[in-house]
Amino acid sequence: VFPVDEGIDFLGYVIYPDHVMLRKRIKQKFARK
């Protein structure tokens, strides 16, 4: 249980109240490929 301001790691994204970021693992995997 945590504040949403920390970002919700869900569905392959990190979801914040005002923006969405890609999950770190997805970025790393793509960069390696």
Full PDB file with SEQRES, HELIX, SHEET, SSBOND, CRYST1, ORIGX, SCALE, CONECT and MASTER records, all heavy atoms in Angstrom:
SEQRES   1 A   33  VAL PHE PRO VAL ASP GLU GLY ILE ASP PHE LEU GLY TYR          
SEQRES   2 A   33  VAL ILE TYR PRO ASP HIS VAL MET LEU ARG LYS ARG ILE          
SEQRES   3 A   33  LYS GLN LYS PHE ALA ARG LYS                                  
HELIX    1 AA1 VAL A    4  GLU A    6  5                                   3    
HELIX    2 AA2 LYS A   24  ARG A   32  1                                   9    
SHEET    1 AA1 3 ILE A   8  PHE A  10  0                                        
SHEET    2 AA1 3 TYR A  13  ILE A  15 -1                                        
SHEET    3 AA1 3 VAL A  20  LEU A  22 -1                                        
CRYST1    1.000    1.000    1.000  90.00  90.00  90.00 P 1           1          
ORIGX1      1.000000  0.000000  0.000000        0.00000                         
ORIGX2      0.000000  1.000000  0.000000        0.00000                         
ORIGX3      0.000000  0.000000  1.000000        0.00000                         
SCALE1      1.000000  0.000000  0.000000        0.00000                         
SCALE2      0.000000  1.000000  0.000000        0.00000                         
SCALE3      0.000000  0.000000  1.000000        0.00000                         
ATOM      1  N   VAL A   1       0.868  -1.174   0.000  1.00  0.00           N  
ATOM      2  CA  VAL A   1       0.000   0.000   0.000  1.00  0.00           C  
ATOM      3  C   VAL A   1       0.905   1.224   0.000  1.00  0.00           C  
ATOM      4  O   VAL A   1       1.803   1.330   0.836  1.00  0.00           O  
ATOM      5  CB  VAL A   1      -0.931   0.010   1.230  1.00  0.00           C  
ATOM      6  CG1 VAL A   1      -1.720   1.325   1.281  1.00  0.00           C  
ATOM      7  CG2 VAL A   1      -1.903  -1.179   1.182  1.00  0.00           C  
ATOM      8  N   PHE A   2       0.668   2.155  -0.924  1.00  0.00           N  
ATOM      9  CA  PHE A   2       1.583   3.279  -1.085  1.00  0.00           C  
ATOM     10  C   PHE A   2       0.860   4.469  -1.718  1.00  0.00           C  
ATOM     11  O   PHE A   2      -0.202   4.293  -2.347  1.00  0.00           O  
ATOM     12  CB  PHE A   2       2.777   2.878  -1.959  1.00  0.00           C  
ATOM     13  CG  PHE A   2       2.368   2.357  -3.323  1.00  0.00           C  
ATOM     14  CD1 PHE A   2       2.312   3.196  -4.420  1.00  0.00           C  
ATOM     15  CD2 PHE A   2       2.023   1.019  -3.497  1.00  0.00           C  
ATOM     16  CE1 PHE A   2       1.925   2.724  -5.662  1.00  0.00           C  
ATOM     17  CE2 PHE A   2       1.637   0.527  -4.745  1.00  0.00           C  
ATOM     18  CZ  PHE A   2       1.593   1.382  -5.822  1.00  0.00           C  
ATOM     19  N   PRO A   3       1.421   5.683  -1.592  1.00  0.00           N  
ATOM     20  CA  PRO A   3       0.814   6.853  -2.248  1.00  0.00           C  
ATOM     21  C   PRO A   3       0.936   6.756  -3.767  1.00  0.00           C  
ATOM     22  O   PRO A   3       1.974   6.311  -4.269  1.00  0.00           O  
ATOM     23  CB  PRO A   3       1.634   8.034  -1.706  1.00  0.00           C  
ATOM     24  CG  PRO A   3       2.398   7.503  -0.538  1.00  0.00           C  
ATOM     25  CD  PRO A   3       2.604   6.050  -0.781  1.00  0.00           C  
ATOM     26  N   VAL A   4      -0.083   7.171  -4.496  1.00  0.00           N  
ATOM     27  CA  VAL A   4      -0.045   7.080  -5.958  1.00  0.00           C  
ATOM     28  C   VAL A   4       1.017   7.995  -6.555  1.00  0.00           C  
ATOM     29  O   VAL A   4       1.452   7.792  -7.694  1.00  0.00           O  
ATOM     30  CB  VAL A   4      -1.425   7.387  -6.584  1.00  0.00           C  
ATOM     31  CG1 VAL A   4      -2.461   6.358  -6.179  1.00  0.00           C  
ATOM     32  CG2 VAL A   4      -1.889   8.796  -6.245  1.00  0.00           C  
ATOM     33  N   ASP A   5       1.452   9.007  -5.794  1.00  0.00           N  
ATOM     34  CA  ASP A   5       2.508   9.907  -6.277  1.00  0.00           C  
ATOM     35  C   ASP A   5       3.818   9.173  -6.537  1.00  0.00           C  
ATOM     36  O   ASP A   5       4.668   9.664  -7.278  1.00  0.00           O  
ATOM     37  CB  ASP A   5       2.750  11.049  -5.276  1.00  0.00           C  
ATOM     38  CG  ASP A   5       1.568  11.998  -5.191  1.00  0.00           C  
ATOM     39  OD1 ASP A   5       0.761  12.014  -6.149  1.00  0.00           O  
ATOM     40  OD2 ASP A   5       1.429  12.717  -4.174  1.00  0.00           O  
ATOM     41  N   GLU A   6       3.988   7.993  -5.900  1.00  0.00           N  
ATOM     42  CA  GLU A   6       5.183   7.181  -6.147  1.00  0.00           C  
ATOM     43  C   GLU A   6       5.138   6.504  -7.519  1.00  0.00           C  
ATOM     44  O   GLU A   6       6.156   6.028  -8.015  1.00  0.00           O  
ATOM     45  CB  GLU A   6       5.333   6.111  -5.064  1.00  0.00           C  
ATOM     46  CG  GLU A   6       5.674   6.651  -3.688  1.00  0.00           C  
ATOM     47  CD  GLU A   6       5.873   5.539  -2.671  1.00  0.00           C  
ATOM     48  OE1 GLU A   6       5.990   4.356  -3.089  1.00  0.00           O  
ATOM     49  OE2 GLU A   6       5.911   5.833  -1.474  1.00  0.00           O  
ATOM     50  N   GLY A   7       3.953   6.449  -8.128  1.00  0.00           N  
ATOM     51  CA  GLY A   7       3.785   5.780  -9.417  1.00  0.00           C  
ATOM     52  C   GLY A   7       3.313   4.347  -9.251  1.00  0.00           C  
ATOM     53  O   GLY A   7       3.852   3.601  -8.431  1.00  0.00           O  
ATOM     54  N   ILE A   8       2.308   3.957 -10.014  1.00  0.00           N  
ATOM     55  CA  ILE A   8       1.745   2.607  -9.950  1.00  0.00           C  
ATOM     56  C   ILE A   8       2.363   1.774 -11.075  1.00  0.00           C  
ATOM     57  O   ILE A   8       2.111   2.016 -12.258  1.00  0.00           O  
ATOM     58  CB  ILE A   8       0.204   2.633 -10.108  1.00  0.00           C  
ATOM     59  CG1 ILE A   8      -0.429   3.590  -9.083  1.00  0.00           C  
ATOM     60  CG2 ILE A   8      -0.369   1.238  -9.960  1.00  0.00           C  
ATOM     61  CD1 ILE A   8      -1.890   3.909  -9.387  1.00  0.00           C  
ATOM     62  N   ASP A   9       3.179   0.794 -10.725  1.00  0.00           N  
ATOM     63  CA  ASP A   9       3.821  -0.084 -11.703  1.00  0.00           C  
ATOM     64  C   ASP A   9       2.812  -1.154 -12.109  1.00  0.00           C  
ATOM     65  O   ASP A   9       2.635  -2.162 -11.422  1.00  0.00           O  
ATOM     66  CB  ASP A   9       5.069  -0.713 -11.087  1.00  0.00           C  
ATOM     67  CG  ASP A   9       5.921  -1.438 -12.120  1.00  0.00           C  
ATOM     68  OD1 ASP A   9       5.434  -1.696 -13.233  1.00  0.00           O  
ATOM     69  OD2 ASP A   9       7.080  -1.783 -11.808  1.00  0.00           O  
ATOM     70  N   PHE A  10       2.166  -0.925 -13.259  1.00  0.00           N  
ATOM     71  CA  PHE A  10       1.042  -1.770 -13.650  1.00  0.00           C  
ATOM     72  C   PHE A  10       0.878  -1.714 -15.167  1.00  0.00           C  
ATOM     73  O   PHE A  10       1.061  -0.667 -15.784  1.00  0.00           O  
ATOM     74  CB  PHE A  10      -0.226  -1.251 -12.946  1.00  0.00           C  
ATOM     75  CG  PHE A  10      -1.434  -2.143 -13.037  1.00  0.00           C  
ATOM     76  CD1 PHE A  10      -1.359  -3.503 -12.786  1.00  0.00           C  
ATOM     77  CD2 PHE A  10      -2.691  -1.613 -13.326  1.00  0.00           C  
ATOM     78  CE1 PHE A  10      -2.480  -4.318 -12.845  1.00  0.00           C  
ATOM     79  CE2 PHE A  10      -3.823  -2.407 -13.388  1.00  0.00           C  
ATOM     80  CZ  PHE A  10      -3.713  -3.770 -13.148  1.00  0.00           C  
ATOM     81  N   LEU A  11       0.591  -2.850 -15.790  1.00  0.00           N  
ATOM     82  CA  LEU A  11       0.289  -2.931 -17.222  1.00  0.00           C  
ATOM     83  C   LEU A  11       1.481  -2.585 -18.122  1.00  0.00           C  
ATOM     84  O   LEU A  11       1.312  -2.197 -19.273  1.00  0.00           O  
ATOM     85  CB  LEU A  11      -0.889  -1.997 -17.576  1.00  0.00           C  
ATOM     86  CG  LEU A  11      -2.174  -2.178 -16.746  1.00  0.00           C  
ATOM     87  CD1 LEU A  11      -3.140  -1.038 -17.020  1.00  0.00           C  
ATOM     88  CD2 LEU A  11      -2.812  -3.516 -17.063  1.00  0.00           C  
ATOM     89  N   GLY A  12       2.699  -2.692 -17.582  1.00  0.00           N  
ATOM     90  CA  GLY A  12       3.884  -2.357 -18.378  1.00  0.00           C  
ATOM     91  C   GLY A  12       4.272  -0.890 -18.298  1.00  0.00           C  
ATOM     92  O   GLY A  12       5.213  -0.455 -18.961  1.00  0.00           O  
ATOM     93  N   TYR A  13       3.551  -0.121 -17.491  1.00  0.00           N  
ATOM     94  CA  TYR A  13       3.809   1.312 -17.339  1.00  0.00           C  
ATOM     95  C   TYR A  13       3.928   1.660 -15.862  1.00  0.00           C  
ATOM     96  O   TYR A  13       3.574   0.872 -14.983  1.00  0.00           O  
ATOM     97  CB  TYR A  13       2.658   2.136 -17.947  1.00  0.00           C  
ATOM     98  CG  TYR A  13       2.464   1.922 -19.431  1.00  0.00           C  
ATOM     99  CD1 TYR A  13       1.619   0.914 -19.905  1.00  0.00           C  
ATOM    100  CD2 TYR A  13       3.107   2.725 -20.353  1.00  0.00           C  
ATOM    101  CE1 TYR A  13       1.440   0.713 -21.257  1.00  0.00           C  
ATOM    102  CE2 TYR A  13       2.919   2.536 -21.714  1.00  0.00           C  
ATOM    103  CZ  TYR A  13       2.093   1.528 -22.161  1.00  0.00           C  
ATOM    104  OH  TYR A  13       1.914   1.334 -23.507  1.00  0.00           O  
ATOM    105  N   VAL A  14       4.457   2.860 -15.594  1.00  0.00           N  
ATOM    106  CA  VAL A  14       4.406   3.432 -14.256  1.00  0.00           C  
ATOM    107  C   VAL A  14       3.446   4.617 -14.349  1.00  0.00           C  
ATOM    108  O   VAL A  14       3.736   5.612 -15.010  1.00  0.00           O  
ATOM    109  CB  VAL A  14       5.788   3.882 -13.753  1.00  0.00           C  
ATOM    110  CG1 VAL A  14       5.668   4.417 -12.325  1.00  0.00           C  
ATOM    111  CG2 VAL A  14       6.779   2.711 -13.789  1.00  0.00           C  
ATOM    112  N   ILE A  15       2.278   4.475 -13.709  1.00  0.00           N  
ATOM    113  CA  ILE A  15       1.181   5.426 -13.872  1.00  0.00           C  
ATOM    114  C   ILE A  15       1.184   6.423 -12.713  1.00  0.00           C  
ATOM    115  O   ILE A  15       1.067   6.038 -11.541  1.00  0.00           O  
ATOM    116  CB  ILE A  15      -0.168   4.687 -13.941  1.00  0.00           C  
ATOM    117  CG1 ILE A  15      -0.130   3.606 -15.046  1.00  0.00           C  
ATOM    118  CG2 ILE A  15      -1.313   5.661 -14.179  1.00  0.00           C  
ATOM    119  CD1 ILE A  15      -1.293   2.624 -14.984  1.00  0.00           C  
ATOM    120  N   TYR A  16       1.319   7.703 -13.043  1.00  0.00           N  
ATOM    121  CA  TYR A  16       1.236   8.790 -12.076  1.00  0.00           C  
ATOM    122  C   TYR A  16      -0.077   9.544 -12.286  1.00  0.00           C  
ATOM    123  O   TYR A  16      -0.709   9.405 -13.347  1.00  0.00           O  
ATOM    124  CB  TYR A  16       2.419   9.753 -12.249  1.00  0.00           C  
ATOM    125  CG  TYR A  16       3.772   9.132 -11.982  1.00  0.00           C  
ATOM    126  CD1 TYR A  16       4.478   8.497 -13.000  1.00  0.00           C  
ATOM    127  CD2 TYR A  16       4.338   9.188 -10.718  1.00  0.00           C  
ATOM    128  CE1 TYR A  16       5.723   7.930 -12.766  1.00  0.00           C  
ATOM    129  CE2 TYR A  16       5.592   8.632 -10.465  1.00  0.00           C  
ATOM    130  CZ  TYR A  16       6.273   7.998 -11.494  1.00  0.00           C  
ATOM    131  OH  TYR A  16       7.508   7.442 -11.257  1.00  0.00           O  
ATOM    132  N   PRO A  17      -0.512  10.344 -11.316  1.00  0.00           N  
ATOM    133  CA  PRO A  17      -1.773  11.093 -11.487  1.00  0.00           C  
ATOM    134  C   PRO A  17      -1.798  12.005 -12.705  1.00  0.00           C  
ATOM    135  O   PRO A  17      -2.857  12.233 -13.290  1.00  0.00           O  
ATOM    136  CB  PRO A  17      -1.890  11.898 -10.186  1.00  0.00           C  
ATOM    137  CG  PRO A  17      -1.101  11.118  -9.183  1.00  0.00           C  
ATOM    138  CD  PRO A  17       0.031  10.517  -9.946  1.00  0.00           C  
ATOM    139  N   ASP A  18      -0.619  12.552 -13.098  1.00  0.00           N  
ATOM    140  CA  ASP A  18      -0.602  13.533 -14.192  1.00  0.00           C  
ATOM    141  C   ASP A  18       0.222  13.112 -15.402  1.00  0.00           C  
ATOM    142  O   ASP A  18       0.322  13.855 -16.366  1.00  0.00           O  
ATOM    143  CB  ASP A  18      -0.101  14.897 -13.677  1.00  0.00           C  
ATOM    144  CG  ASP A  18       1.273  14.788 -13.011  1.00  0.00           C  
ATOM    145  OD1 ASP A  18       1.787  13.648 -12.854  1.00  0.00           O  
ATOM    146  OD2 ASP A  18       1.832  15.846 -12.646  1.00  0.00           O  
ATOM    147  N   HIS A  19       0.838  11.937 -15.360  1.00  0.00           N  
ATOM    148  CA  HIS A  19       1.586  11.459 -16.520  1.00  0.00           C  
ATOM    149  C   HIS A  19       1.834   9.962 -16.418  1.00  0.00           C  
ATOM    150  O   HIS A  19       1.602   9.348 -15.368  1.00  0.00           O  
ATOM    151  CB  HIS A  19       2.917  12.216 -16.700  1.00  0.00           C  
ATOM    152  CG  HIS A  19       3.923  11.964 -15.622  1.00  0.00           C  
ATOM    153  ND1 HIS A  19       3.810  12.478 -14.350  1.00  0.00           N  
ATOM    154  CD2 HIS A  19       5.057  11.207 -15.619  1.00  0.00           C  
ATOM    155  CE1 HIS A  19       4.835  12.102 -13.615  1.00  0.00           C  
ATOM    156  NE2 HIS A  19       5.609  11.310 -14.355  1.00  0.00           N  
ATOM    157  N   VAL A  20       2.333   9.380 -17.522  1.00  0.00           N  
ATOM    158  CA  VAL A  20       2.598   7.942 -17.596  1.00  0.00           C  
ATOM    159  C   VAL A  20       4.001   7.722 -18.153  1.00  0.00           C  
ATOM    160  O   VAL A  20       4.383   8.339 -19.146  1.00  0.00           O  
ATOM    161  CB  VAL A  20       1.568   7.230 -18.514  1.00  0.00           C  
ATOM    162  CG1 VAL A  20       1.882   5.736 -18.603  1.00  0.00           C  
ATOM    163  CG2 VAL A  20       0.147   7.440 -18.004  1.00  0.00           C  
ATOM    164  N   MET A  21       4.759   6.825 -17.518  1.00  0.00           N  
ATOM    165  CA  MET A  21       6.094   6.461 -17.984  1.00  0.00           C  
ATOM    166  C   MET A  21       6.143   4.976 -18.308  1.00  0.00           C  
ATOM    167  O   MET A  21       5.373   4.177 -17.762  1.00  0.00           O  
ATOM    168  CB  MET A  21       7.152   6.784 -16.923  1.00  0.00           C  
ATOM    169  CG  MET A  21       7.182   8.235 -16.464  1.00  0.00           C  
ATOM    170  SD  MET A  21       7.572   9.404 -17.801  1.00  0.00           S  
ATOM    171  CE  MET A  21       9.290   9.010 -18.072  1.00  0.00           C  
ATOM    172  N   LEU A  22       7.037   4.614 -19.194  1.00  0.00           N  
ATOM    173  CA  LEU A  22       7.246   3.204 -19.483  1.00  0.00           C  
ATOM    174  C   LEU A  22       7.967   2.524 -18.320  1.00  0.00           C  
ATOM    175  O   LEU A  22       8.824   3.135 -17.677  1.00  0.00           O  
ATOM    176  CB  LEU A  22       8.078   3.022 -20.754  1.00  0.00           C  
ATOM    177  CG  LEU A  22       7.334   2.982 -22.087  1.00  0.00           C  
ATOM    178  CD1 LEU A  22       8.342   2.915 -23.221  1.00  0.00           C  
ATOM    179  CD2 LEU A  22       6.403   1.794 -22.178  1.00  0.00           C  
ATOM    180  N   ARG A  23       7.641   1.261 -18.073  1.00  0.00           N  
ATOM    181  CA  ARG A  23       8.354   0.492 -17.063  1.00  0.00           C  
ATOM    182  C   ARG A  23       9.833   0.380 -17.434  1.00  0.00           C  
ATOM    183  O   ARG A  23      10.176   0.192 -18.607  1.00  0.00           O  
ATOM    184  CB  ARG A  23       7.730  -0.890 -16.947  1.00  0.00           C  
ATOM    185  CG  ARG A  23       8.396  -1.798 -15.930  1.00  0.00           C  
ATOM    186  CD  ARG A  23       7.742  -3.160 -15.913  1.00  0.00           C  
ATOM    187  NE  ARG A  23       6.519  -3.155 -15.127  1.00  0.00           N  
ATOM    188  CZ  ARG A  23       5.646  -4.166 -15.114  1.00  0.00           C  
ATOM    189  NH1 ARG A  23       5.867  -5.231 -15.842  1.00  0.00           N  
ATOM    190  NH2 ARG A  23       4.550  -4.096 -14.376  1.00  0.00           N  
ATOM    191  N   LYS A  24      10.707   0.508 -16.425  1.00  0.00           N  
ATOM    192  CA  LYS A  24      12.155   0.517 -16.640  1.00  0.00           C  
ATOM    193  C   LYS A  24      12.623  -0.732 -17.388  1.00  0.00           C  
ATOM    194  O   LYS A  24      13.464  -0.663 -18.296  1.00  0.00           O  
ATOM    195  CB  LYS A  24      12.874   0.634 -15.294  1.00  0.00           C  
ATOM    196  CG  LYS A  24      14.387   0.770 -15.400  1.00  0.00           C  
ATOM    197  CD  LYS A  24      15.014   0.931 -14.025  1.00  0.00           C  
ATOM    198  CE  LYS A  24      16.531   1.047 -14.122  1.00  0.00           C  
ATOM    199  NZ  LYS A  24      17.144   1.192 -12.773  1.00  0.00           N  
ATOM    200  N   ARG A  25      12.057  -1.896 -17.024  1.00  0.00           N  
ATOM    201  CA  ARG A  25      12.470  -3.153 -17.640  1.00  0.00           C  
ATOM    202  C   ARG A  25      12.208  -3.168 -19.149  1.00  0.00           C  
ATOM    203  O   ARG A  25      13.000  -3.703 -19.921  1.00  0.00           O  
ATOM    204  CB  ARG A  25      11.730  -4.307 -16.969  1.00  0.00           C  
ATOM    205  CG  ARG A  25      12.290  -5.697 -17.318  1.00  0.00           C  
ATOM    206  CD  ARG A  25      11.350  -6.787 -16.815  1.00  0.00           C  
ATOM    207  NE  ARG A  25      11.043  -6.599 -15.410  1.00  0.00           N  
ATOM    208  CZ  ARG A  25       9.957  -7.103 -14.816  1.00  0.00           C  
ATOM    209  NH1 ARG A  25       9.085  -7.802 -15.519  1.00  0.00           N  
ATOM    210  NH2 ARG A  25       9.747  -6.916 -13.535  1.00  0.00           N  
ATOM    211  N   ILE A  26      11.108  -2.566 -19.578  1.00  0.00           N  
ATOM    212  CA  ILE A  26      10.764  -2.522 -21.002  1.00  0.00           C  
ATOM    213  C   ILE A  26      11.759  -1.649 -21.762  1.00  0.00           C  
ATOM    214  O   ILE A  26      12.211  -1.996 -22.852  1.00  0.00           O  
ATOM    215  CB  ILE A  26       9.320  -2.019 -21.190  1.00  0.00           C  
ATOM    216  CG1 ILE A  26       8.343  -3.085 -20.691  1.00  0.00           C  
ATOM    217  CG2 ILE A  26       9.040  -1.681 -22.657  1.00  0.00           C  
ATOM    218  CD1 ILE A  26       6.898  -2.671 -20.700  1.00  0.00           C  
ATOM    219  N   LYS A  27      12.139  -0.510 -21.157  1.00  0.00           N  
ATOM    220  CA  LYS A  27      13.120   0.374 -21.786  1.00  0.00           C  
ATOM    221  C   LYS A  27      14.466  -0.329 -21.927  1.00  0.00           C  
ATOM    222  O   LYS A  27      15.120  -0.250 -22.971  1.00  0.00           O  
ATOM    223  CB  LYS A  27      13.272   1.659 -20.959  1.00  0.00           C  
ATOM    224  CG  LYS A  27      12.026   2.531 -20.956  1.00  0.00           C  
ATOM    225  CD  LYS A  27      12.236   3.829 -20.220  1.00  0.00           C  
ATOM    226  CE  LYS A  27      12.220   3.621 -18.726  1.00  0.00           C  
ATOM    227  NZ  LYS A  27      12.200   4.902 -17.965  1.00  0.00           N  
ATOM    228  N   GLN A  28      14.883  -1.011 -20.861  1.00  0.00           N  
ATOM    229  CA  GLN A  28      16.163  -1.701 -20.886  1.00  0.00           C  
ATOM    230  C   GLN A  28      16.179  -2.831 -21.909  1.00  0.00           C  
ATOM    231  O   GLN A  28      17.156  -2.997 -22.652  1.00  0.00           O  
ATOM    232  CB  GLN A  28      16.486  -2.243 -19.492  1.00  0.00           C  
ATOM    233  CG  GLN A  28      16.795  -1.166 -18.457  1.00  0.00           C  
ATOM    234  CD  GLN A  28      16.937  -1.744 -17.060  1.00  0.00           C  
ATOM    235  OE1 GLN A  28      16.366  -2.785 -16.737  1.00  0.00           O  
ATOM    236  NE2 GLN A  28      17.705  -1.061 -16.215  1.00  0.00           N  
ATOM    237  N   LYS A  29      15.106  -3.603 -21.949  1.00  0.00           N  
ATOM    238  CA  LYS A  29      15.013  -4.721 -22.886  1.00  0.00           C  
ATOM    239  C   LYS A  29      15.082  -4.232 -24.329  1.00  0.00           C  
ATOM    240  O   LYS A  29      15.774  -4.810 -25.164  1.00  0.00           O  
ATOM    241  CB  LYS A  29      13.712  -5.488 -22.651  1.00  0.00           C  
ATOM    242  CG  LYS A  29      13.578  -6.757 -23.481  1.00  0.00           C  
ATOM    243  CD  LYS A  29      12.277  -7.477 -23.147  1.00  0.00           C  
ATOM    244  CE  LYS A  29      12.118  -8.732 -24.011  1.00  0.00           C  
ATOM    245  NZ  LYS A  29      10.826  -9.437 -23.699  1.00  0.00           N  
ATOM    246  N   PHE A  30      14.363  -3.139 -24.625  1.00  0.00           N  
ATOM    247  CA  PHE A  30      14.375  -2.597 -25.986  1.00  0.00           C  
ATOM    248  C   PHE A  30      15.761  -2.074 -26.346  1.00  0.00           C  
ATOM    249  O   PHE A  30      16.259  -2.315 -27.456  1.00  0.00           O  
ATOM    250  CB  PHE A  30      13.339  -1.480 -26.118  1.00  0.00           C  
ATOM    251  CG  PHE A  30      13.377  -0.786 -27.454  1.00  0.00           C  
ATOM    252  CD1 PHE A  30      12.891  -1.401 -28.588  1.00  0.00           C  
ATOM    253  CD2 PHE A  30      13.925   0.478 -27.576  1.00  0.00           C  
ATOM    254  CE1 PHE A  30      12.946  -0.770 -29.827  1.00  0.00           C  
ATOM    255  CE2 PHE A  30      13.973   1.117 -28.803  1.00  0.00           C  
ATOM    256  CZ  PHE A  30      13.481   0.497 -29.927  1.00  0.00           C  
ATOM    257  N   ALA A  31      16.405  -1.348 -25.416  1.00  0.00           N  
ATOM    258  CA  ALA A  31      17.738  -0.802 -25.675  1.00  0.00           C  
ATOM    259  C   ALA A  31      18.738  -1.921 -25.950  1.00  0.00           C  
ATOM    260  O   ALA A  31      19.574  -1.804 -26.858  1.00  0.00           O  
ATOM    261  CB  ALA A  31      18.184   0.055 -24.489  1.00  0.00           C  
ATOM    262  N   ARG A  32      18.655  -3.025 -25.182  1.00  0.00           N  
ATOM    263  CA  ARG A  32      19.551  -4.164 -25.403  1.00  0.00           C  
ATOM    264  C   ARG A  32      19.318  -4.787 -26.773  1.00  0.00           C  
ATOM    265  O   ARG A  32      20.263  -5.103 -27.492  1.00  0.00           O  
ATOM    266  CB  ARG A  32      19.347  -5.217 -24.302  1.00  0.00           C  
ATOM    267  CG  ARG A  32      20.118  -4.965 -23.040  1.00  0.00           C  
ATOM    268  CD  ARG A  32      20.205  -6.199 -22.166  1.00  0.00           C  
ATOM    269  NE  ARG A  32      18.912  -6.668 -21.744  1.00  0.00           N  
ATOM    270  CZ  ARG A  32      18.291  -6.277 -20.636  1.00  0.00           C  
ATOM    271  NH1 ARG A  32      18.857  -5.431 -19.830  1.00  0.00           N  
ATOM    272  NH2 ARG A  32      17.113  -6.751 -20.322  1.00  0.00           N  
ATOM    273  N   LYS A  33      18.040  -4.973 -27.134  1.00  0.00           N  
ATOM    274  CA  LYS A  33      17.705  -5.552 -28.435  1.00  0.00           C  
ATOM    275  C   LYS A  33      18.226  -4.688 -29.579  1.00  0.00           C  
ATOM    276  O   LYS A  33      18.773  -5.191 -30.563  1.00  0.00           O  
ATOM    277  CB  LYS A  33      16.190  -5.717 -28.551  1.00  0.00           C  
ATOM    278  CG  LYS A  33      15.623  -6.897 -27.777  1.00  0.00           C  
ATOM    279  CD  LYS A  33      15.914  -8.221 -28.481  1.00  0.00           C  
ATOM    280  CE  LYS A  33      15.231  -9.391 -27.810  1.00  0.00           C  
ATOM    281  NZ  LYS A  33      15.567 -10.681 -28.480  1.00  0.00           N  
TER     282      LYS A  33                                                      
MASTER        0    0    0    2    3    0    0    6  281    1    0    3          
END                                                                             
